[in-house]
Amino acid sequence: MRQLLHIPIVHGHAEMGSARNEVRRAHVECGGENAWEKSRRVIAELWHAIEKAMDSLHLDYRKARLYQDGLPLCGLEDRIVRDLAARGIVNYRILLKLIDRGATLEGTEDPGLLRTEHALITKTAPGPAHAAGAGDGARAAQLHDLLDQRDRFIAQRIDATLRRGETGILFLGALHHAVEKLPDSVEVVSLQQMLRRQVVAEKNDG
């Protein structure tokens, strides 16, 4: 049996790049400056909790593989993670910690699909005077289809690289459904489940 630790995530503001200003403007327009600050605080607290939980997890990381939402299969995966960790992005700081503990980093996404999605988002990014129109429905359908294609690729990558007796660790945005596309030979567990199992095992050993 192969095991996959699924960690749903929300991307931090530092990861949004050129889209950050649009996201900030949307928050401010809907709820004022406080809405933006609250969003930043909530996301920071979520990542703090994830990092703390991962630091308390006891795994043989030599038998662990890392999969990351948005990390392309390109041959430069390690460099990407180290560069983004150096910029202070907590998601990638956690990945770097796990790599340093012996985990194997895997390219997770189809770079072509990522480029297509980015081009679609940036080409049609709404401005402050944007009003919903007929084109929005078509754009949403395209993005939904791209997300489905990305999920299928992620599931295929996990199935192709995760070996029997290994534990995969998948950091995946909450809108994704890649884990639902995995074969039955992969047991998907949550971080809470894995921590509970660890506590039970430690009690039994004691």
C-alpha atoms as a PDB file:
ATOM      1  CA  MET A   1       0.000   0.000   0.000  1.00  0.00           C
ATOM      2  CA  ARG A   2       1.155   3.533  -0.796  1.00  0.00           C
ATOM      3  CA  GLN A   3       0.239   6.410   1.494  1.00  0.00           C
ATOM      4  CA  LEU A   4      -0.388  10.032   0.574  1.00  0.00           C
ATOM      5  CA  LEU A   5      -0.573  12.815   3.133  1.00  0.00           C
ATOM      6  CA  HIS A   6      -2.926  15.401   1.624  1.00  0.00           C
ATOM      7  CA  ILE A   7      -2.502  18.937   2.966  1.00  0.00           C
ATOM      8  CA  PRO A   8      -5.099  21.406   1.590  1.00  0.00           C
ATOM      9  CA  ILE A   9      -3.579  24.862   1.303  1.00  0.00           C
ATOM     10  CA  VAL A  10      -4.410  28.481   0.561  1.00  0.00           C
ATOM     11  CA  HIS A  11      -1.756  30.339  -1.392  1.00  0.00           C
ATOM     12  CA  GLY A  12      -0.204  33.231   0.510  1.00  0.00           C
ATOM     13  CA  HIS A  13      -0.234  36.775  -0.831  1.00  0.00           C
ATOM     14  CA  ALA A  14       3.502  36.642  -1.519  1.00  0.00           C
ATOM     15  CA  GLU A  15       2.896  33.845  -4.048  1.00  0.00           C
ATOM     16  CA  MET A  16       0.369  35.767  -6.107  1.00  0.00           C
ATOM     17  CA  GLY A  17       2.926  37.757  -8.056  1.00  0.00           C
ATOM     18  CA  SER A  18       1.365  40.161 -10.531  1.00  0.00           C
ATOM     19  CA  ALA A  19      -2.132  39.138  -9.420  1.00  0.00           C
ATOM     20  CA  ARG A  20      -1.520  40.346  -5.858  1.00  0.00           C
ATOM     21  CA  ASN A  21      -2.680  43.914  -6.532  1.00  0.00           C
ATOM     22  CA  GLU A  22      -5.908  42.687  -8.131  1.00  0.00           C
ATOM     23  CA  VAL A  23      -6.636  40.416  -5.176  1.00  0.00           C
ATOM     24  CA  ARG A  24      -5.913  43.211  -2.724  1.00  0.00           C
ATOM     25  CA  ARG A  25      -8.174  45.618  -4.620  1.00  0.00           C
ATOM     26  CA  ALA A  26     -11.000  43.057  -4.615  1.00  0.00           C
ATOM     27  CA  HIS A  27     -10.720  42.622  -0.838  1.00  0.00           C
ATOM     28  CA  VAL A  28     -10.636  46.378  -0.215  1.00  0.00           C
ATOM     29  CA  GLU A  29     -13.581  47.066  -2.538  1.00  0.00           C
ATOM     30  CA  CYS A  30     -15.688  44.375  -0.853  1.00  0.00           C
ATOM     31  CA  GLY A  31     -14.786  44.932   2.776  1.00  0.00           C
ATOM     32  CA  GLY A  32     -12.342  47.779   3.131  1.00  0.00           C
ATOM     33  CA  GLU A  33      -8.697  47.739   4.144  1.00  0.00           C
ATOM     34  CA  ASN A  34      -9.540  45.626   7.199  1.00  0.00           C
ATOM     35  CA  ALA A  35     -10.736  42.789   4.944  1.00  0.00           C
ATOM     36  CA  TRP A  36      -7.346  42.649   3.252  1.00  0.00           C
ATOM     37  CA  GLU A  37      -5.466  42.672   6.541  1.00  0.00           C
ATOM     38  CA  LYS A  38      -7.763  39.985   7.978  1.00  0.00           C
ATOM     39  CA  SER A  39      -7.173  37.820   4.906  1.00  0.00           C
ATOM     40  CA  ARG A  40      -3.417  38.166   5.296  1.00  0.00           C
ATOM     41  CA  ARG A  41      -3.632  37.310   9.001  1.00  0.00           C
ATOM     42  CA  VAL A  42      -5.845  34.245   8.496  1.00  0.00           C
ATOM     43  CA  ILE A  43      -3.588  32.833   5.763  1.00  0.00           C
ATOM     44  CA  ALA A  44      -0.478  33.455   7.889  1.00  0.00           C
ATOM     45  CA  GLU A  45      -2.083  31.654  10.840  1.00  0.00           C
ATOM     46  CA  LEU A  46      -3.031  28.699   8.620  1.00  0.00           C
ATOM     47  CA  TRP A  47       0.540  28.318   7.410  1.00  0.00           C
ATOM     48  CA  HIS A  48       1.913  28.657  10.934  1.00  0.00           C
ATOM     49  CA  ALA A  49      -0.340  25.775  12.008  1.00  0.00           C
ATOM     50  CA  ILE A  50       0.736  23.640   9.028  1.00  0.00           C
ATOM     51  CA  GLU A  51       4.425  24.305   9.664  1.00  0.00           C
ATOM     52  CA  LYS A  52       4.087  23.522  13.367  1.00  0.00           C
ATOM     53  CA  ALA A  53       2.257  20.264  12.617  1.00  0.00           C
ATOM     54  CA  MET A  54       4.822  19.219  10.012  1.00  0.00           C
ATOM     55  CA  ASP A  55       7.659  19.917  12.472  1.00  0.00           C
ATOM     56  CA  SER A  56       6.029  17.519  14.953  1.00  0.00           C
ATOM     57  CA  LEU A  57       5.497  14.766  12.385  1.00  0.00           C
ATOM     58  CA  HIS A  58       7.818  11.789  12.726  1.00  0.00           C
ATOM     59  CA  LEU A  59       8.459  10.231   9.326  1.00  0.00           C
ATOM     60  CA  ASP A  60      11.310   8.444   7.649  1.00  0.00           C
ATOM     61  CA  TYR A  61      11.779  11.176   5.075  1.00  0.00           C
ATOM     62  CA  ARG A  62      14.140   8.980   3.077  1.00  0.00           C
ATOM     63  CA  LYS A  63      10.929   7.186   2.069  1.00  0.00           C
ATOM     64  CA  ALA A  64       8.905  10.362   1.445  1.00  0.00           C
ATOM     65  CA  ARG A  65       8.117  12.173  -1.804  1.00  0.00           C
ATOM     66  CA  LEU A  66       6.966  15.783  -2.022  1.00  0.00           C
ATOM     67  CA  TYR A  67       4.313  17.048  -4.430  1.00  0.00           C
ATOM     68  CA  GLN A  68       3.478  20.740  -4.688  1.00  0.00           C
ATOM     69  CA  ASP A  69       0.576  22.575  -6.307  1.00  0.00           C
ATOM     70  CA  GLY A  70       2.030  24.799  -9.041  1.00  0.00           C
ATOM     71  CA  LEU A  71       5.491  23.175  -9.144  1.00  0.00           C
ATOM     72  CA  PRO A  72       6.169  22.224 -12.783  1.00  0.00           C
ATOM     73  CA  LEU A  73       7.884  19.069 -13.969  1.00  0.00           C
ATOM     74  CA  CYS A  74      10.868  20.834 -15.543  1.00  0.00           C
ATOM     75  CA  GLY A  75      14.181  19.674 -14.111  1.00  0.00           C
ATOM     76  CA  LEU A  76      14.546  22.863 -12.057  1.00  0.00           C
ATOM     77  CA  GLU A  77      12.257  21.894  -9.185  1.00  0.00           C
ATOM     78  CA  ASP A  78      14.904  22.079  -6.453  1.00  0.00           C
ATOM     79  CA  ARG A  79      16.103  25.492  -7.624  1.00  0.00           C
ATOM     80  CA  ILE A  80      12.516  26.832  -7.711  1.00  0.00           C
ATOM     81  CA  VAL A  81      11.851  25.650  -4.163  1.00  0.00           C
ATOM     82  CA  ARG A  82      15.101  27.100  -2.815  1.00  0.00           C
ATOM     83  CA  ASP A  83      14.564  30.446  -4.560  1.00  0.00           C
ATOM     84  CA  LEU A  84      11.005  30.826  -3.258  1.00  0.00           C
ATOM     85  CA  ALA A  85      11.989  29.681   0.234  1.00  0.00           C
ATOM     86  CA  ALA A  86      14.699  32.349   0.233  1.00  0.00           C
ATOM     87  CA  ARG A  87      11.992  34.930  -0.524  1.00  0.00           C
ATOM     88  CA  GLY A  88      10.253  33.932   2.697  1.00  0.00           C
ATOM     89  CA  ILE A  89       7.322  32.014   1.210  1.00  0.00           C
ATOM     90  CA  VAL A  90       6.373  29.638   4.004  1.00  0.00           C
ATOM     91  CA  ASN A  91       5.009  26.862   1.754  1.00  0.00           C
ATOM     92  CA  TYR A  92       8.407  26.538   0.095  1.00  0.00           C
ATOM     93  CA  ARG A  93      10.258  26.965   3.377  1.00  0.00           C
ATOM     94  CA  ILE A  94       8.416  23.880   4.633  1.00  0.00           C
ATOM     95  CA  LEU A  95       9.302  21.984   1.452  1.00  0.00           C
ATOM     96  CA  LEU A  96      12.955  22.921   1.883  1.00  0.00           C
ATOM     97  CA  LYS A  97      12.906  21.678   5.480  1.00  0.00           C
ATOM     98  CA  LEU A  98      11.534  18.325   4.325  1.00  0.00           C
ATOM     99  CA  ILE A  99      14.088  18.081   1.504  1.00  0.00           C
ATOM    100  CA  ASP A 100      16.860  18.730   4.025  1.00  0.00           C
ATOM    101  CA  ARG A 101      15.428  15.886   6.129  1.00  0.00           C
ATOM    102  CA  GLY A 102      15.811  13.509   3.196  1.00  0.00           C
ATOM    103  CA  ALA A 103      12.528  13.755   1.272  1.00  0.00           C
ATOM    104  CA  THR A 104      12.545  13.534  -2.530  1.00  0.00           C
ATOM    105  CA  LEU A 105      11.022  16.466  -4.419  1.00  0.00           C
ATOM    106  CA  GLU A 106       8.907  15.610  -7.450  1.00  0.00           C
ATOM    107  CA  GLY A 107       7.839  17.870 -10.285  1.00  0.00           C
ATOM    108  CA  THR A 108       4.085  17.815  -9.883  1.00  0.00           C
ATOM    109  CA  GLU A 109       2.408  19.775 -12.669  1.00  0.00           C
ATOM    110  CA  ASP A 110       2.332  19.950 -16.461  1.00  0.00           C
ATOM    111  CA  PRO A 111       4.194  23.193 -17.297  1.00  0.00           C
ATOM    112  CA  GLY A 112       2.132  23.669 -20.458  1.00  0.00           C
ATOM    113  CA  LEU A 113      -1.124  23.642 -18.515  1.00  0.00           C
ATOM    114  CA  LEU A 114       0.301  26.107 -15.987  1.00  0.00           C
ATOM    115  CA  ARG A 115       1.372  28.479 -18.766  1.00  0.00           C
ATOM    116  CA  THR A 116      -2.042  28.223 -20.443  1.00  0.00           C
ATOM    117  CA  GLU A 117      -3.845  28.974 -17.182  1.00  0.00           C
ATOM    118  CA  HIS A 118      -1.574  31.918 -16.372  1.00  0.00           C
ATOM    119  CA  ALA A 119      -2.052  33.397 -19.848  1.00  0.00           C
ATOM    120  CA  LEU A 120      -5.825  33.081 -19.567  1.00  0.00           C
ATOM    121  CA  ILE A 121      -5.911  34.692 -16.123  1.00  0.00           C
ATOM    122  CA  THR A 122      -3.605  37.593 -16.991  1.00  0.00           C
ATOM    123  CA  LYS A 123      -5.195  38.230 -20.387  1.00  0.00           C
ATOM    124  CA  THR A 124      -8.667  38.566 -18.905  1.00  0.00           C
ATOM    125  CA  ALA A 125      -7.863  39.902 -15.433  1.00  0.00           C
ATOM    126  CA  PRO A 126     -10.695  42.218 -14.364  1.00  0.00           C
ATOM    127  CA  GLY A 127      -9.947  45.888 -13.794  1.00  0.00           C
ATOM    128  CA  PRO A 128     -11.615  48.121 -11.234  1.00  0.00           C
ATOM    129  CA  ALA A 129     -14.427  48.990 -13.661  1.00  0.00           C
ATOM    130  CA  HIS A 130     -14.984  45.390 -14.746  1.00  0.00           C
ATOM    131  CA  ALA A 131     -18.598  44.259 -15.012  1.00  0.00           C
ATOM    132  CA  ALA A 132     -19.769  40.671 -15.418  1.00  0.00           C
ATOM    133  CA  GLY A 133     -20.507  39.803 -19.015  1.00  0.00           C
ATOM    134  CA  ALA A 134     -21.069  36.935 -21.397  1.00  0.00           C
ATOM    135  CA  GLY A 135     -17.342  36.326 -21.689  1.00  0.00           C
ATOM    136  CA  ASP A 136     -17.041  35.592 -17.988  1.00  0.00           C
ATOM    137  CA  GLY A 137     -18.967  32.338 -18.298  1.00  0.00           C
ATOM    138  CA  ALA A 138     -16.730  31.083 -21.096  1.00  0.00           C
ATOM    139  CA  ARG A 139     -13.605  32.092 -19.149  1.00  0.00           C
ATOM    140  CA  ALA A 140     -14.858  30.302 -16.030  1.00  0.00           C
ATOM    141  CA  ALA A 141     -15.552  27.172 -18.066  1.00  0.00           C
ATOM    142  CA  GLN A 142     -12.041  27.260 -19.533  1.00  0.00           C
ATOM    143  CA  LEU A 143     -10.475  27.668 -16.115  1.00  0.00           C
ATOM    144  CA  HIS A 144     -12.594  24.819 -14.739  1.00  0.00           C
ATOM    145  CA  ASP A 145     -11.488  22.551 -17.586  1.00  0.00           C
ATOM    146  CA  LEU A 146      -7.838  23.508 -17.049  1.00  0.00           C
ATOM    147  CA  LEU A 147      -8.130  22.766 -13.332  1.00  0.00           C
ATOM    148  CA  ASP A 148      -9.530  19.332 -14.149  1.00  0.00           C
ATOM    149  CA  GLN A 149      -6.657  18.663 -16.566  1.00  0.00           C
ATOM    150  CA  ARG A 150      -4.144  19.791 -13.957  1.00  0.00           C
ATOM    151  CA  ASP A 151      -5.715  17.485 -11.363  1.00  0.00           C
ATOM    152  CA  ARG A 152      -5.533  14.521 -13.709  1.00  0.00           C
ATOM    153  CA  PHE A 153      -1.869  15.217 -14.396  1.00  0.00           C
ATOM    154  CA  ILE A 154      -1.097  15.572 -10.665  1.00  0.00           C
ATOM    155  CA  ALA A 155      -2.819  12.253  -9.924  1.00  0.00           C
ATOM    156  CA  GLN A 156      -0.909  10.565 -12.747  1.00  0.00           C
ATOM    157  CA  ARG A 157       2.397  11.958 -11.454  1.00  0.00           C
ATOM    158  CA  ILE A 158       1.734  10.652  -7.963  1.00  0.00           C
ATOM    159  CA  ASP A 159       0.686   7.243  -9.269  1.00  0.00           C
ATOM    160  CA  ALA A 160       3.782   7.033 -11.492  1.00  0.00           C
ATOM    161  CA  THR A 161       6.361   8.070  -8.879  1.00  0.00           C
ATOM    162  CA  LEU A 162       5.067   7.002  -5.440  1.00  0.00           C
ATOM    163  CA  ARG A 163       6.326   3.504  -4.639  1.00  0.00           C
ATOM    164  CA  ARG A 164       4.987   0.843  -2.330  1.00  0.00           C
ATOM    165  CA  GLY A 165       6.041   1.523   1.258  1.00  0.00           C
ATOM    166  CA  GLU A 166       6.577   5.227   0.624  1.00  0.00           C
ATOM    167  CA  THR A 167       4.665   8.240   1.914  1.00  0.00           C
ATOM    168  CA  GLY A 168       3.774  11.061  -0.437  1.00  0.00           C
ATOM    169  CA  ILE A 169       3.173  14.567   0.914  1.00  0.00           C
ATOM    170  CA  LEU A 170       0.919  16.677  -1.283  1.00  0.00           C
ATOM    171  CA  PHE A 171       0.423  20.410  -0.748  1.00  0.00           C
ATOM    172  CA  LEU A 172      -2.634  21.178  -2.860  1.00  0.00           C
ATOM    173  CA  GLY A 173      -4.964  24.160  -3.208  1.00  0.00           C
ATOM    174  CA  ALA A 174      -8.391  23.680  -1.708  1.00  0.00           C
ATOM    175  CA  LEU A 175     -10.165  23.973  -5.093  1.00  0.00           C
ATOM    176  CA  HIS A 176      -8.363  20.944  -6.509  1.00  0.00           C
ATOM    177  CA  HIS A 177      -9.746  17.392  -6.740  1.00  0.00           C
ATOM    178  CA  ALA A 178      -6.600  15.474  -7.684  1.00  0.00           C
ATOM    179  CA  VAL A 179      -6.836  13.058  -4.745  1.00  0.00           C
ATOM    180  CA  GLU A 180     -10.225  11.884  -5.996  1.00  0.00           C
ATOM    181  CA  LYS A 181      -8.544  10.775  -9.231  1.00  0.00           C
ATOM    182  CA  LEU A 182      -5.949   8.553  -7.555  1.00  0.00           C
ATOM    183  CA  PRO A 183      -6.137   4.740  -7.794  1.00  0.00           C
ATOM    184  CA  ASP A 184      -7.302   2.699  -4.805  1.00  0.00           C
ATOM    185  CA  SER A 185      -3.708   1.545  -4.239  1.00  0.00           C
ATOM    186  CA  VAL A 186      -2.961   4.982  -2.744  1.00  0.00           C
ATOM    187  CA  GLU A 187      -4.315   5.557   0.767  1.00  0.00           C
ATOM    188  CA  VAL A 188      -5.055   9.255   1.272  1.00  0.00           C
ATOM    189  CA  VAL A 189      -4.780  10.552   4.845  1.00  0.00           C
ATOM    190  CA  SER A 190      -5.091  13.999   6.384  1.00  0.00           C
ATOM    191  CA  LEU A 191      -2.478  15.667   8.551  1.00  0.00           C
ATOM    192  CA  GLN A 192      -4.769  15.283  11.564  1.00  0.00           C
ATOM    193  CA  GLN A 193      -5.174  11.551  10.900  1.00  0.00           C
ATOM    194  CA  MET A 194      -1.431  11.037  10.594  1.00  0.00           C
ATOM    195  CA  LEU A 195      -0.745  12.937  13.802  1.00  0.00           C
ATOM    196  CA  ARG A 196      -3.399  10.887  15.645  1.00  0.00           C
ATOM    197  CA  ARG A 197      -1.834   7.664  14.366  1.00  0.00           C
ATOM    198  CA  GLN A 198       1.535   8.895  15.573  1.00  0.00           C
ATOM    199  CA  VAL A 199       0.178   9.556  19.070  1.00  0.00           C
ATOM    200  CA  VAL A 200      -1.429   6.092  19.224  1.00  0.00           C
ATOM    201  CA  ALA A 201       1.780   4.427  18.029  1.00  0.00           C
ATOM    202  CA  GLU A 202       3.849   6.291  20.619  1.00  0.00           C
ATOM    203  CA  LYS A 203       1.437   5.250  23.393  1.00  0.00           C
ATOM    204  CA  ASN A 204       1.604   1.628  22.274  1.00  0.00           C
ATOM    205  CA  ASP A 205       5.403   1.761  22.199  1.00  0.00           C
ATOM    206  CA  GLY A 206       5.405   3.266  25.681  1.00  0.00           C
END
